C-alpha cells in the first residue's frame, strides 16, 4: 500500500482503521444541542483521548461552546432513529469535529451512504477509503524525483534526510520540528512531539540566521506576530525541501519542490525566516 507516494508499513496499515474509525467514538455538543437530543451525555472537560484520536477528531478545532459529549458504538449508532443520527452529524459539522466527511466525496467507494455528511465507522474504513482520506488536499511526496547529487550535497548537514523522506510516523506526535532536527542528525527526534523550546535551542546551537538563499541545510522557520515558531522545514538544495505538515498520524514526511512547499505552508500572520545549519 502506498499513500501520497509513500509506502505504508504493515503495522500502520493494521492500526489506521482504528485511528480513523474507532469502535466507540465521541460526538461533541453544545448545551442546547445536548438538551434537544434523547441521549446520555458527559461533560466535555472529562473526556480524554489518546493522541491519535485527538488528531482524528481535531480537538483543537472544536468550537469553544462545546460542553457535552455523547459516546456511541457503531451498533448503538445504527439503533438510533434516523432523525437523531442526522442531528448528531449536523452538530459535528457545526462544531468542527474531525472525521466527518462529505458523502459525495466517497459515493463511488461507499454507495450505500445517504445525506450530505457522514462519520467514519469500522465497517466503512476500507483500505481504499483510508487512502482517499489521507490523500485529500495533500501533495504527494516527490522523493524519487530528487537527483542523486542533491542528496549527496545535502548529506553533510542532513545525514538522515534521505532516510526520513517519504515515511509515515509511527503514531501521532512526530511533527515538523522533530523532522528537521532528526534530518540534521538528532537521534530519536523523529519519534517525539517536539516542543518549541528544544527546537529553539537546536536552532540557537546549530544554525545562524541568513537573509536569503536556499543552500542545502537552510532551515525555513515560520513565526507568528509574537515571534513563536509555528512551522519549520529544511532545504535539500535550491530546488527541494523536506517537512512534515503536522503532528498528526495522517501526515507523512514529504519532499516537495521548494516553491510548492513554501506556498503550501503560507498562512495569514506568519512570517518566513531562514537559518543556515552549521557543520
C-alpha atoms as a PDB file:
ATOM      1  CA  UNK A   1       0.000   0.000   0.000  1.00  0.00           C
ATOM      2  CA  UNK A   2       1.216   3.490  -0.899  1.00  0.00           C
ATOM      3  CA  UNK A   3      -0.391   6.769   0.158  1.00  0.00           C
ATOM      4  CA  UNK A   4       0.829  10.098  -1.224  1.00  0.00           C
ATOM      5  CA  UNK A   5       3.562   8.112  -2.950  1.00  0.00           C
ATOM      6  CA  UNK A   6       4.771   6.916   0.474  1.00  0.00           C
ATOM      7  CA  UNK A   7       4.948   3.187   1.316  1.00  0.00           C
ATOM      8  CA  UNK A   8       2.882   2.186   4.348  1.00  0.00           C
ATOM      9  CA  UNK A   9       4.340  -0.494   6.654  1.00  0.00           C
ATOM     10  CA  UNK A  10       2.022  -3.398   7.562  1.00  0.00           C
ATOM     11  CA  UNK A  11       1.827  -2.325  11.227  1.00  0.00           C
ATOM     12  CA  UNK A  12       0.435   1.071  10.231  1.00  0.00           C
ATOM     13  CA  UNK A  13      -1.978  -0.475   7.747  1.00  0.00           C
ATOM     14  CA  UNK A  14      -3.340  -2.514  10.659  1.00  0.00           C
ATOM     15  CA  UNK A  15      -3.543   0.472  13.043  1.00  0.00           C
ATOM     16  CA  UNK A  16      -5.023   3.112  10.746  1.00  0.00           C
ATOM     17  CA  UNK A  17      -8.625   1.810  10.605  1.00  0.00           C
ATOM     18  CA  UNK A  18      -8.888   2.054  14.402  1.00  0.00           C
ATOM     19  CA  UNK A  19      -7.449   5.573  14.358  1.00  0.00           C
ATOM     20  CA  UNK A  20      -9.835   6.831  11.695  1.00  0.00           C
ATOM     21  CA  UNK A  21     -12.938   4.911  12.792  1.00  0.00           C
ATOM     22  CA  UNK A  22     -12.712   3.938  16.428  1.00  0.00           C
ATOM     23  CA  UNK A  23     -15.182   1.342  17.667  1.00  0.00           C
ATOM     24  CA  UNK A  24     -16.522   3.790  20.268  1.00  0.00           C
ATOM     25  CA  UNK A  25     -16.353   7.448  19.422  1.00  0.00           C
ATOM     26  CA  UNK A  26     -17.320  10.875  20.779  1.00  0.00           C
ATOM     27  CA  UNK A  27     -19.938  13.247  19.425  1.00  0.00           C
ATOM     28  CA  UNK A  28     -19.471  16.821  20.615  1.00  0.00           C
ATOM     29  CA  UNK A  29     -22.452  19.005  21.509  1.00  0.00           C
ATOM     30  CA  UNK A  30     -23.300  22.404  22.891  1.00  0.00           C
ATOM     31  CA  UNK A  31     -25.607  22.551  25.895  1.00  0.00           C
ATOM     32  CA  UNK A  32     -28.584  23.384  23.665  1.00  0.00           C
ATOM     33  CA  UNK A  33     -27.811  20.552  21.251  1.00  0.00           C
ATOM     34  CA  UNK A  34     -27.454  18.068  24.102  1.00  0.00           C
ATOM     35  CA  UNK A  35     -30.759  19.160  25.637  1.00  0.00           C
ATOM     36  CA  UNK A  36     -32.546  18.625  22.322  1.00  0.00           C
ATOM     37  CA  UNK A  37     -31.395  15.011  21.916  1.00  0.00           C
ATOM     38  CA  UNK A  38     -32.662  11.963  23.885  1.00  0.00           C
ATOM     39  CA  UNK A  39     -29.135  10.707  24.613  1.00  0.00           C
ATOM     40  CA  UNK A  40     -26.973  10.469  27.760  1.00  0.00           C
ATOM     41  CA  UNK A  41     -24.003  12.821  27.752  1.00  0.00           C
ATOM     42  CA  UNK A  42     -20.903  13.512  29.835  1.00  0.00           C
ATOM     43  CA  UNK A  43     -19.052  16.807  30.372  1.00  0.00           C
ATOM     44  CA  UNK A  44     -16.599  17.649  27.614  1.00  0.00           C
ATOM     45  CA  UNK A  45     -13.989  18.554  30.232  1.00  0.00           C
ATOM     46  CA  UNK A  46     -13.984  14.957  31.477  1.00  0.00           C
ATOM     47  CA  UNK A  47     -13.141  13.469  28.074  1.00  0.00           C
ATOM     48  CA  UNK A  48      -9.570  12.383  27.409  1.00  0.00           C
ATOM     49  CA  UNK A  49      -8.415  10.790  24.181  1.00  0.00           C
ATOM     50  CA  UNK A  50      -5.126   9.255  23.033  1.00  0.00           C
ATOM     51  CA  UNK A  51      -3.053  11.410  20.661  1.00  0.00           C
ATOM     52  CA  UNK A  52      -4.215   9.588  17.539  1.00  0.00           C
ATOM     53  CA  UNK A  53      -7.897  10.207  18.284  1.00  0.00           C
ATOM     54  CA  UNK A  54      -7.162  13.756  19.411  1.00  0.00           C
ATOM     55  CA  UNK A  55      -5.888  14.342  15.880  1.00  0.00           C
ATOM     56  CA  UNK A  56      -8.605  12.321  14.155  1.00  0.00           C
ATOM     57  CA  UNK A  57     -11.326  14.361  15.841  1.00  0.00           C
ATOM     58  CA  UNK A  58      -9.346  17.629  15.632  1.00  0.00           C
ATOM     59  CA  UNK A  59      -9.974  18.511  19.267  1.00  0.00           C
ATOM     60  CA  UNK A  60      -8.013  21.767  18.921  1.00  0.00           C
ATOM     61  CA  UNK A  61     -10.520  22.932  16.308  1.00  0.00           C
ATOM     62  CA  UNK A  62     -13.744  22.411  18.283  1.00  0.00           C
ATOM     63  CA  UNK A  63     -15.990  25.382  18.908  1.00  0.00           C
ATOM     64  CA  UNK A  64     -15.423  26.885  22.366  1.00  0.00           C
ATOM     65  CA  UNK A  65     -19.060  26.392  23.367  1.00  0.00           C
ATOM     66  CA  UNK A  66     -18.882  22.591  23.078  1.00  0.00           C
ATOM     67  CA  UNK A  67     -19.860  21.366  26.549  1.00  0.00           C
ATOM     68  CA  UNK A  68     -21.197  17.802  26.357  1.00  0.00           C
ATOM     69  CA  UNK A  69     -20.159  14.541  24.693  1.00  0.00           C
ATOM     70  CA  UNK A  70     -22.155  11.507  23.582  1.00  0.00           C
ATOM     71  CA  UNK A  71     -20.241   8.231  23.307  1.00  0.00           C
ATOM     72  CA  UNK A  72     -21.532   5.692  20.785  1.00  0.00           C
ATOM     73  CA  UNK A  73     -20.501   2.410  19.204  1.00  0.00           C
ATOM     74  CA  UNK A  74     -21.444   1.568  15.640  1.00  0.00           C
ATOM     75  CA  UNK A  75     -24.154  -0.795  16.889  1.00  0.00           C
ATOM     76  CA  UNK A  76     -25.610   1.933  19.103  1.00  0.00           C
ATOM     77  CA  UNK A  77     -25.419   4.372  16.218  1.00  0.00           C
ATOM     78  CA  UNK A  78     -27.364   2.067  13.922  1.00  0.00           C
ATOM     79  CA  UNK A  79     -30.040   1.634  16.599  1.00  0.00           C
ATOM     80  CA  UNK A  80     -30.769   5.372  16.732  1.00  0.00           C
ATOM     81  CA  UNK A  81     -33.688   6.925  14.910  1.00  0.00           C
ATOM     82  CA  UNK A  82     -32.566   8.336  11.529  1.00  0.00           C
ATOM     83  CA  UNK A  83     -33.568  11.844  12.617  1.00  0.00           C
ATOM     84  CA  UNK A  84     -31.310  11.584  15.689  1.00  0.00           C
ATOM     85  CA  UNK A  85     -28.398  10.386  13.567  1.00  0.00           C
ATOM     86  CA  UNK A  86     -28.896  13.299  11.183  1.00  0.00           C
ATOM     87  CA  UNK A  87     -28.998  15.767  14.081  1.00  0.00           C
ATOM     88  CA  UNK A  88     -25.783  14.360  15.524  1.00  0.00           C
ATOM     89  CA  UNK A  89     -23.951  14.570  12.208  1.00  0.00           C
ATOM     90  CA  UNK A  90     -25.113  18.138  11.600  1.00  0.00           C
ATOM     91  CA  UNK A  91     -23.918  19.074  15.087  1.00  0.00           C
ATOM     92  CA  UNK A  92     -20.475  17.630  14.371  1.00  0.00           C
ATOM     93  CA  UNK A  93     -20.202  19.719  11.221  1.00  0.00           C
ATOM     94  CA  UNK A  94     -21.226  22.863  13.125  1.00  0.00           C
ATOM     95  CA  UNK A  95     -18.884  22.096  15.999  1.00  0.00           C
ATOM     96  CA  UNK A  96     -15.937  21.390  13.668  1.00  0.00           C
ATOM     97  CA  UNK A  97     -15.238  17.840  14.767  1.00  0.00           C
ATOM     98  CA  UNK A  98     -12.779  15.945  12.593  1.00  0.00           C
ATOM     99  CA  UNK A  99     -13.553  12.657  10.805  1.00  0.00           C
ATOM    100  CA  UNK A 100     -16.766  13.989   9.307  1.00  0.00           C
ATOM    101  CA  UNK A 101     -16.762  13.527   5.525  1.00  0.00           C
ATOM    102  CA  UNK A 102     -18.904  14.601   2.607  1.00  0.00           C
ATOM    103  CA  UNK A 103     -20.960  11.770   1.186  1.00  0.00           C
ATOM    104  CA  UNK A 104     -20.359  12.865  -2.392  1.00  0.00           C
ATOM    105  CA  UNK A 105     -16.576  12.606  -1.906  1.00  0.00           C
ATOM    106  CA  UNK A 106     -16.900   8.861  -1.208  1.00  0.00           C
ATOM    107  CA  UNK A 107     -20.024   7.940  -3.171  1.00  0.00           C
ATOM    108  CA  UNK A 108     -18.087   5.698  -5.554  1.00  0.00           C
ATOM    109  CA  UNK A 109     -16.439   3.757  -2.728  1.00  0.00           C
ATOM    110  CA  UNK A 110     -19.372   3.734  -0.276  1.00  0.00           C
ATOM    111  CA  UNK A 111     -22.544   3.842  -2.416  1.00  0.00           C
ATOM    112  CA  UNK A 112     -24.921   2.972   0.456  1.00  0.00           C
ATOM    113  CA  UNK A 113     -24.343   6.322   2.162  1.00  0.00           C
ATOM    114  CA  UNK A 114     -27.024   8.995   2.121  1.00  0.00           C
ATOM    115  CA  UNK A 115     -27.356  12.618   3.174  1.00  0.00           C
ATOM    116  CA  UNK A 116     -24.684  15.305   2.925  1.00  0.00           C
ATOM    117  CA  UNK A 117     -22.167  14.189   5.574  1.00  0.00           C
ATOM    118  CA  UNK A 118     -21.248  11.026   7.451  1.00  0.00           C
ATOM    119  CA  UNK A 119     -18.974   9.881  10.259  1.00  0.00           C
ATOM    120  CA  UNK A 120     -16.493   7.038   9.962  1.00  0.00           C
ATOM    121  CA  UNK A 121     -17.279   3.645  11.498  1.00  0.00           C
ATOM    122  CA  UNK A 122     -15.201   0.432  11.323  1.00  0.00           C
ATOM    123  CA  UNK A 123     -17.423  -1.025   8.602  1.00  0.00           C
ATOM    124  CA  UNK A 124     -16.652   1.982   6.354  1.00  0.00           C
ATOM    125  CA  UNK A 125     -12.882   2.216   6.859  1.00  0.00           C
ATOM    126  CA  UNK A 126     -11.785   0.181   3.856  1.00  0.00           C
ATOM    127  CA  UNK A 127      -8.198   0.458   2.548  1.00  0.00           C
ATOM    128  CA  UNK A 128      -9.410   2.460  -0.450  1.00  0.00           C
ATOM    129  CA  UNK A 129     -11.367   4.858   1.774  1.00  0.00           C
ATOM    130  CA  UNK A 130      -8.387   5.306   4.096  1.00  0.00           C
ATOM    131  CA  UNK A 131      -6.119   6.073   1.181  1.00  0.00           C
ATOM    132  CA  UNK A 132      -8.525   8.760  -0.018  1.00  0.00           C
ATOM    133  CA  UNK A 133      -8.878  10.314   3.439  1.00  0.00           C
ATOM    134  CA  UNK A 134      -5.115  10.584   3.868  1.00  0.00           C
ATOM    135  CA  UNK A 135      -4.543  11.854   0.337  1.00  0.00           C
ATOM    136  CA  UNK A 136      -7.230  14.535   0.343  1.00  0.00           C
ATOM    137  CA  UNK A 137      -5.830  18.026  -0.334  1.00  0.00           C
ATOM    138  CA  UNK A 138      -2.274  16.908   0.399  1.00  0.00           C
ATOM    139  CA  UNK A 139       0.563  16.927  -2.161  1.00  0.00           C
ATOM    140  CA  UNK A 140       2.293  13.635  -2.894  1.00  0.00           C
ATOM    141  CA  UNK A 141       5.889  13.132  -1.840  1.00  0.00           C
ATOM    142  CA  UNK A 142       8.377  13.657  -4.675  1.00  0.00           C
ATOM    143  CA  UNK A 143      11.352  11.967  -3.031  1.00  0.00           C
ATOM    144  CA  UNK A 144      12.040   9.871  -6.114  1.00  0.00           C
ATOM    145  CA  UNK A 145      12.371  12.982  -8.284  1.00  0.00           C
ATOM    146  CA  UNK A 146      15.280  14.389  -6.275  1.00  0.00           C
ATOM    147  CA  UNK A 147      18.554  13.921  -8.199  1.00  0.00           C
ATOM    148  CA  UNK A 148      21.237  11.799  -6.532  1.00  0.00           C
ATOM    149  CA  UNK A 149      23.646  14.718  -6.484  1.00  0.00           C
ATOM    150  CA  UNK A 150      21.183  16.750  -4.402  1.00  0.00           C
ATOM    151  CA  UNK A 151      21.078  14.058  -1.722  1.00  0.00           C
ATOM    152  CA  UNK A 152      24.874  13.842  -1.803  1.00  0.00           C
ATOM    153  CA  UNK A 153      25.310  17.583  -1.382  1.00  0.00           C
ATOM    154  CA  UNK A 154      22.808  17.677   1.492  1.00  0.00           C
ATOM    155  CA  UNK A 155      24.245  14.705   3.396  1.00  0.00           C
ATOM    156  CA  UNK A 156      26.987  16.528   5.384  1.00  0.00           C
ATOM    157  CA  UNK A 157      24.410  18.785   7.080  1.00  0.00           C
ATOM    158  CA  UNK A 158      21.376  16.493   6.799  1.00  0.00           C
ATOM    159  CA  UNK A 159      22.721  12.968   7.309  1.00  0.00           C
ATOM    160  CA  UNK A 160      19.273  11.414   7.881  1.00  0.00           C
ATOM    161  CA  UNK A 161      17.153  13.420   5.461  1.00  0.00           C
ATOM    162  CA  UNK A 162      17.096  10.730   2.778  1.00  0.00           C
ATOM    163  CA  UNK A 163      16.186   8.047   5.331  1.00  0.00           C
ATOM    164  CA  UNK A 164      13.277  10.070   6.717  1.00  0.00           C
ATOM    165  CA  UNK A 165      11.913  11.426   3.446  1.00  0.00           C
ATOM    166  CA  UNK A 166       8.828   9.576   2.270  1.00  0.00           C
ATOM    167  CA  UNK A 167       7.919   7.924   5.588  1.00  0.00           C
ATOM    168  CA  UNK A 168       4.861   7.987   7.825  1.00  0.00           C
ATOM    169  CA  UNK A 169       5.259   8.467  11.596  1.00  0.00           C
ATOM    170  CA  UNK A 170       4.697   5.521  13.923  1.00  0.00           C
ATOM    171  CA  UNK A 171       1.807   7.409  15.597  1.00  0.00           C
ATOM    172  CA  UNK A 172       0.592  10.928  16.312  1.00  0.00           C
ATOM    173  CA  UNK A 173       3.066  13.331  17.868  1.00  0.00           C
ATOM    174  CA  UNK A 174       6.069  13.473  15.498  1.00  0.00           C
ATOM    175  CA  UNK A 175       5.997  16.924  13.925  1.00  0.00           C
ATOM    176  CA  UNK A 176       7.821  19.430  11.734  1.00  0.00           C
ATOM    177  CA  UNK A 177      10.313  20.442  14.440  1.00  0.00           C
ATOM    178  CA  UNK A 178      11.369  16.875  15.171  1.00  0.00           C
ATOM    179  CA  UNK A 179      11.638  16.123  11.448  1.00  0.00           C
ATOM    180  CA  UNK A 180      14.086  18.979  10.883  1.00  0.00           C
ATOM    181  CA  UNK A 181      16.137  18.024  13.943  1.00  0.00           C
ATOM    182  CA  UNK A 182      16.205  14.333  13.012  1.00  0.00           C
ATOM    183  CA  UNK A 183      17.220  15.126   9.430  1.00  0.00           C
ATOM    184  CA  UNK A 184      20.148  17.084  10.917  1.00  0.00           C
ATOM    185  CA  UNK A 185      21.195  14.035  12.930  1.00  0.00           C
ATOM    186  CA  UNK A 186      19.451  14.456  16.307  1.00  0.00           C
ATOM    187  CA  UNK A 187      18.802  10.833  17.246  1.00  0.00           C
ATOM    188  CA  UNK A 188      15.198   9.932  18.029  1.00  0.00           C
ATOM    189  CA  UNK A 189      13.795  13.402  17.299  1.00  0.00           C
ATOM    190  CA  UNK A 190      11.579  11.998  14.539  1.00  0.00           C
ATOM    191  CA  UNK A 191       9.598   9.986  17.119  1.00  0.00           C
ATOM    192  CA  UNK A 192       8.855  12.863  19.517  1.00  0.00           C
ATOM    193  CA  UNK A 193       6.182  15.519  19.759  1.00  0.00           C
ATOM    194  CA  UNK A 194       8.930  18.117  19.690  1.00  0.00           C
ATOM    195  CA  UNK A 195       8.067  21.324  21.513  1.00  0.00           C
ATOM    196  CA  UNK A 196       9.171  24.856  20.708  1.00  0.00           C
ATOM    197  CA  UNK A 197      11.785  25.192  23.473  1.00  0.00           C
ATOM    198  CA  UNK A 198      14.043  22.307  22.400  1.00  0.00           C
ATOM    199  CA  UNK A 199      13.628  23.292  18.766  1.00  0.00           C
ATOM    200  CA  UNK A 200      14.635  26.886  19.532  1.00  0.00           C
ATOM    201  CA  UNK A 201      17.643  25.547  21.462  1.00  0.00           C
ATOM    202  CA  UNK A 202      18.580  23.432  18.446  1.00  0.00           C
ATOM    203  CA  UNK A 203      18.357  26.466  16.162  1.00  0.00           C
ATOM    204  CA  UNK A 204      20.499  28.551  18.517  1.00  0.00           C
ATOM    205  CA  UNK A 205      23.175  25.871  18.798  1.00  0.00           C
ATOM    206  CA  UNK A 206      23.233  24.510  15.264  1.00  0.00           C
ATOM    207  CA  UNK A 207      22.367  27.386  12.915  1.00  0.00           C
ATOM    208  CA  UNK A 208      22.861  31.040  12.098  1.00  0.00           C
ATOM    209  CA  UNK A 209      20.404  33.481  10.531  1.00  0.00           C
ATOM    210  CA  UNK A 210      20.658  34.296   6.833  1.00  0.00           C
ATOM    211  CA  UNK A 211      18.756  36.891   4.848  1.00  0.00           C
ATOM    212  CA  UNK A 212      18.229  34.846   1.701  1.00  0.00           C
ATOM    213  CA  UNK A 213      19.323  31.747  -0.207  1.00  0.00           C
ATOM    214  CA  UNK A 214      18.329  28.101  -0.187  1.00  0.00           C
ATOM    215  CA  UNK A 215      21.599  26.218   0.127  1.00  0.00           C
ATOM    216  CA  UNK A 216      21.387  22.650   1.490  1.00  0.00           C
ATOM    217  CA  UNK A 217      20.577  22.732   5.188  1.00  0.00           C
ATOM    218  CA  UNK A 218      18.677  26.011   5.208  1.00  0.00           C
ATOM    219  CA  UNK A 219      16.008  25.789   7.886  1.00  0.00           C
ATOM    220  CA  UNK A 220      12.792  27.555   6.926  1.00  0.00           C
ATOM    221  CA  UNK A 221      11.045  28.889  10.033  1.00  0.00           C
ATOM    222  CA  UNK A 222       7.566  30.407  10.076  1.00  0.00           C
ATOM    223  CA  UNK A 223       6.870  32.680  13.077  1.00  0.00           C
ATOM    224  CA  UNK A 224       3.743  34.461  14.233  1.00  0.00           C
ATOM    225  CA  UNK A 225       3.446  38.067  15.399  1.00  0.00           C
ATOM    226  CA  UNK A 226       4.659  37.040  18.864  1.00  0.00           C
ATOM    227  CA  UNK A 227       7.814  35.502  17.318  1.00  0.00           C
ATOM    228  CA  UNK A 228       6.680  31.990  18.302  1.00  0.00           C
ATOM    229  CA  UNK A 229       7.719  29.385  15.753  1.00  0.00           C
ATOM    230  CA  UNK A 230       4.685  27.726  14.138  1.00  0.00           C
ATOM    231  CA  UNK A 231       6.208  25.576  11.403  1.00  0.00           C
ATOM    232  CA  UNK A 232       9.589  24.523  10.064  1.00  0.00           C
ATOM    233  CA  UNK A 233      11.091  22.791   7.042  1.00  0.00           C
ATOM    234  CA  UNK A 234      14.598  22.268   5.702  1.00  0.00           C
ATOM    235  CA  UNK A 235      16.011  22.609   2.207  1.00  0.00           C
ATOM    236  CA  UNK A 236      17.885  19.808   0.476  1.00  0.00           C
ATOM    237  CA  UNK A 237      19.185  22.330  -2.033  1.00  0.00           C
ATOM    238  CA  UNK A 238      17.922  25.313  -4.002  1.00  0.00           C
ATOM    239  CA  UNK A 239      15.008  23.389  -5.549  1.00  0.00           C
ATOM    240  CA  UNK A 240      13.856  20.840  -2.935  1.00  0.00           C
ATOM    241  CA  UNK A 241      12.793  20.781   0.717  1.00  0.00           C
ATOM    242  CA  UNK A 242      11.608  18.343   3.385  1.00  0.00           C
ATOM    243  CA  UNK A 243       8.923  18.824   6.011  1.00  0.00           C
ATOM    244  CA  UNK A 244       6.143  17.150   7.976  1.00  0.00           C
ATOM    245  CA  UNK A 245       2.969  19.239   7.666  1.00  0.00           C
ATOM    246  CA  UNK A 246       1.597  18.473  11.162  1.00  0.00           C
ATOM    247  CA  UNK A 247       1.894  16.314  14.263  1.00  0.00           C
ATOM    248  CA  UNK A 248      -0.953  14.079  13.055  1.00  0.00           C
ATOM    249  CA  UNK A 249      -0.600  10.388  12.238  1.00  0.00           C
ATOM    250  CA  UNK A 250      -2.199  11.259   8.874  1.00  0.00           C
ATOM    251  CA  UNK A 251       0.719  13.322   7.509  1.00  0.00           C
ATOM    252  CA  UNK A 252       3.971  11.783   6.253  1.00  0.00           C
ATOM    253  CA  UNK A 253       7.384  13.407   5.949  1.00  0.00           C
ATOM    254  CA  UNK A 254       7.404  14.608   2.363  1.00  0.00           C
ATOM    255  CA  UNK A 255       9.833  16.094  -0.114  1.00  0.00           C
ATOM    256  CA  UNK A 256       8.385  18.790  -2.367  1.00  0.00           C
ATOM    257  CA  UNK A 257       9.722  21.342  -4.803  1.00  0.00           C
ATOM    258  CA  UNK A 258      10.841  24.219  -2.630  1.00  0.00           C
ATOM    259  CA  UNK A 259       8.445  26.744  -4.122  1.00  0.00           C
ATOM    260  CA  UNK A 260       5.483  24.393  -3.664  1.00  0.00           C
ATOM    261  CA  UNK A 261       6.401  23.682  -0.045  1.00  0.00           C
ATOM    262  CA  UNK A 262       6.708  27.384   0.775  1.00  0.00           C
ATOM    263  CA  UNK A 263       3.374  28.185  -0.883  1.00  0.00           C
ATOM    264  CA  UNK A 264       1.592  25.316   0.902  1.00  0.00           C
ATOM    265  CA  UNK A 265       2.996  26.419   4.278  1.00  0.00           C
ATOM    266  CA  UNK A 266       1.952  30.051   3.999  1.00  0.00           C
ATOM    267  CA  UNK A 267      -0.625  31.244   6.498  1.00  0.00           C
ATOM    268  CA  UNK A 268      -2.022  34.634   7.394  1.00  0.00           C
ATOM    269  CA  UNK A 269       0.033  36.318  10.100  1.00  0.00           C
ATOM    270  CA  UNK A 270       3.112  34.130   9.711  1.00  0.00           C
ATOM    271  CA  UNK A 271       6.492  35.388   8.521  1.00  0.00           C
ATOM    272  CA  UNK A 272       9.195  33.221   6.981  1.00  0.00           C
ATOM    273  CA  UNK A 273      12.795  33.436   8.149  1.00  0.00           C
ATOM    274  CA  UNK A 274      15.834  31.397   7.145  1.00  0.00           C
ATOM    275  CA  UNK A 275      18.648  29.902   9.197  1.00  0.00           C
ATOM    276  CA  UNK A 276      21.650  28.018   7.809  1.00  0.00           C
ATOM    277  CA  UNK A 277      22.755  24.854   9.592  1.00  0.00           C
ATOM    278  CA  UNK A 278      26.376  24.687  10.652  1.00  0.00           C
ATOM    279  CA  UNK A 279      28.537  21.610  10.299  1.00  0.00           C
END
